[in-house]
Protein backbone atom coordinates (compact mmCIF):
# COMPACT_ATOMS: atom_id res chain seq x y z
CA MET A 1 0.00 0.00 0.00
CA THR A 2 1.17 3.51 -0.75
CA GLU A 3 1.39 6.33 1.75
CA LEU A 4 -1.55 8.12 0.11
CA ALA A 5 -3.84 5.13 0.49
CA LYS A 6 -3.01 4.86 4.17
CA LYS A 7 -3.81 8.52 4.89
CA ARG A 8 -7.23 8.54 3.21
CA PRO A 9 -10.17 8.42 5.64
CA GLU A 10 -12.24 5.29 5.75
CA PHE A 11 -16.02 5.64 6.02
CA ARG A 12 -17.64 2.54 7.41
CA ASN A 13 -20.71 4.02 9.06
CA ILE A 14 -22.00 7.04 7.18
CA ASN A 15 -24.15 9.42 9.17
CA ALA A 16 -26.69 10.95 6.80
CA PHE A 17 -27.01 14.18 8.77
CA LYS A 18 -23.31 14.78 9.28
CA ASP A 19 -21.52 13.25 6.30
CA LEU A 20 -23.95 13.84 3.43
CA THR A 21 -24.20 17.56 4.14
CA THR A 22 -20.45 17.96 3.63
CA TYR A 23 -20.21 15.74 0.54
CA ARG A 24 -19.40 17.70 -2.62
CA MET A 25 -20.73 16.18 -5.82
CA ALA A 26 -18.86 16.53 -9.11
CA PRO A 27 -20.44 18.61 -11.91
CA ALA A 28 -21.07 15.41 -13.88
CA ALA A 29 -23.16 14.09 -10.99
CA TRP A 30 -25.24 17.28 -10.97
CA VAL A 31 -25.79 17.03 -14.74
CA SER A 32 -26.83 13.40 -14.40
CA ILE A 33 -29.33 14.14 -11.64
CA LEU A 34 -30.69 17.20 -13.43
CA HIS A 35 -30.96 15.23 -16.68
CA ARG A 36 -33.28 12.77 -14.93
CA ALA A 37 -35.18 15.57 -13.17
CA SER A 38 -35.69 17.51 -16.40
CA GLY A 39 -37.06 14.38 -18.07
CA ALA A 40 -39.48 13.88 -15.18
CA VAL A 41 -40.58 17.54 -15.33
CA MET A 42 -41.28 17.30 -19.03
CA PHE A 43 -43.20 14.05 -18.56
CA LEU A 44 -45.28 15.32 -15.67
CA LEU A 45 -46.11 18.58 -17.43
CA MET A 46 -47.07 16.88 -20.68
CA PRO A 47 -50.79 17.84 -20.29
CA PHE A 48 -49.76 21.50 -19.95
CA ILE A 49 -47.51 21.19 -23.04
CA ILE A 50 -50.36 19.64 -25.06
CA TRP A 51 -52.77 22.38 -23.88
CA MET A 52 -50.28 25.11 -24.87
CA PHE A 53 -49.72 23.58 -28.30
CA ASP A 54 -53.40 22.93 -28.97
CA THR A 55 -54.50 26.37 -27.83
CA SER A 56 -51.80 28.19 -29.73
CA VAL A 57 -52.36 26.59 -33.13
CA SER A 58 -56.12 25.90 -33.27
CA SER A 59 -57.30 29.30 -34.47
CA GLU A 60 -56.65 33.00 -34.13
CA ILE A 61 -59.27 33.27 -31.39
CA SER A 62 -57.73 30.42 -29.37
CA PHE A 63 -54.28 32.01 -29.81
CA ALA A 64 -55.68 35.26 -28.40
CA LYS A 65 -57.01 33.29 -25.42
CA PHE A 66 -53.59 31.67 -25.05
CA ARG A 67 -51.86 35.07 -24.94
CA ALA A 68 -54.47 36.39 -22.52
CA ALA A 69 -53.87 33.41 -20.21
CA PHE A 70 -50.17 34.28 -20.04
CA ASN A 71 -50.85 37.99 -19.56
CA SER A 72 -53.82 38.08 -17.16
CA GLY A 73 -54.10 34.53 -15.90
CA LEU A 74 -56.27 31.46 -16.39
CA GLY A 75 -59.05 31.03 -13.86
CA PHE A 76 -57.45 31.04 -10.41
CA LEU A 77 -53.89 30.81 -11.76
CA PRO A 78 -52.15 34.16 -12.29
CA GLY A 79 -50.31 34.84 -15.53
CA TRP A 80 -46.88 35.06 -13.85
CA PHE A 81 -47.36 31.52 -12.48
CA LEU A 82 -48.07 30.17 -15.96
CA LYS A 83 -44.95 31.97 -17.19
CA LEU A 84 -42.92 30.35 -14.40
CA VAL A 85 -44.23 26.93 -15.38
CA ALA A 86 -43.36 27.66 -19.01
CA LEU A 87 -39.89 28.80 -17.87
CA ALA A 88 -39.42 25.51 -16.00
CA LEU A 89 -40.36 23.68 -19.18
CA ILE A 90 -37.90 25.78 -21.19
CA TRP A 91 -35.11 24.92 -18.75
CA ALA A 92 -36.10 21.23 -18.69
CA TYR A 93 -36.09 20.97 -22.46
CA LEU A 94 -32.81 22.85 -22.91
CA HIS A 95 -31.01 20.94 -20.17
CA HIS A 96 -32.34 17.57 -21.30
CA PHE A 97 -31.39 18.29 -24.91
CA ILE A 98 -27.88 19.57 -24.17
CA ALA A 99 -27.16 16.79 -21.68
CA GLY A 100 -28.47 14.28 -24.22
CA LEU A 101 -26.06 15.66 -26.84
CA ARG A 102 -23.26 15.37 -24.27
CA HIS A 103 -24.12 11.72 -23.66
CA LEU A 104 -24.35 11.00 -27.40
CA TRP A 105 -20.91 12.59 -27.94
CA MET A 106 -19.47 10.46 -25.15
CA ASP A 107 -21.01 7.34 -26.74
CA VAL A 108 -19.67 8.10 -30.22
CA SER A 109 -16.24 9.43 -29.32
CA HIS A 110 -14.34 7.03 -27.12
CA ALA A 111 -11.68 9.68 -26.58
CA ALA A 112 -14.34 11.80 -24.82
CA VAL A 113 -14.64 9.31 -21.98
CA SER A 114 -12.25 10.79 -19.47
CA LYS A 115 -12.48 12.53 -16.15
CA GLU A 116 -11.37 15.86 -17.61
CA PHE A 117 -13.89 15.75 -20.46
CA GLY A 118 -16.62 14.69 -18.07
CA LYS A 119 -16.01 17.67 -15.83
CA SER A 120 -15.57 20.23 -18.60
CA SER A 121 -18.58 19.02 -20.62
CA ALA A 122 -20.74 18.98 -17.50
CA ILE A 123 -19.85 22.58 -16.75
CA VAL A 124 -20.55 23.55 -20.37
CA THR A 125 -23.92 21.78 -20.17
CA LEU A 126 -24.89 23.60 -16.98
CA VAL A 127 -23.73 27.00 -18.26
CA LEU A 128 -25.40 26.62 -21.67
CA SER A 129 -28.73 25.38 -20.31
CA LEU A 130 -28.92 28.08 -17.61
CA GLY A 131 -27.68 30.82 -19.93
CA LEU A 132 -30.17 30.00 -22.67
CA THR A 133 -32.93 29.73 -20.06
CA VAL A 134 -32.12 33.22 -18.78
CA VAL A 135 -32.19 34.61 -22.33
CA LEU A 136 -35.50 32.93 -23.24
CA GLY A 137 -36.95 33.75 -19.80
CA ALA A 138 -36.16 37.41 -20.36
CA LYS A 139 -38.06 37.19 -23.63
CA LEU A 140 -40.94 35.35 -21.95
CA PHE A 141 -41.29 37.98 -19.24
CA GLY A 142 -41.06 40.80 -21.77
CA LEU A 143 -37.66 42.28 -20.86
CA TYR A 144 -36.81 42.68 -24.52
């Protein structure tokens, strides 16, 4: 055994309240968890997605109702809440798409399977998905 292996701490009994709060996950772990979460968000909000698509393309009158729902609300739901839900869907789609491209690249290019590439591509995935979400969210909320 080397000196480094002897000095490393050994965790036999992990205390969930003490040890898990100090554990720092790698960026690739965050991307993996968020990839699954974004897929679940898109699946669970599928009725909302279908309603948005159906209402927006049926006719000019239904499109006007669709815009009014986002501006003034829909029943008891305020318009800003519908915009937040749409923003969550925007983030979920962008993150899921970019993380999916990352996984496809890692499957195709065997040289991309390394610790360095995993970390750098995870950071790029997080920055791109959040950056594009901010840009599209600014458009959604009428900032430009």
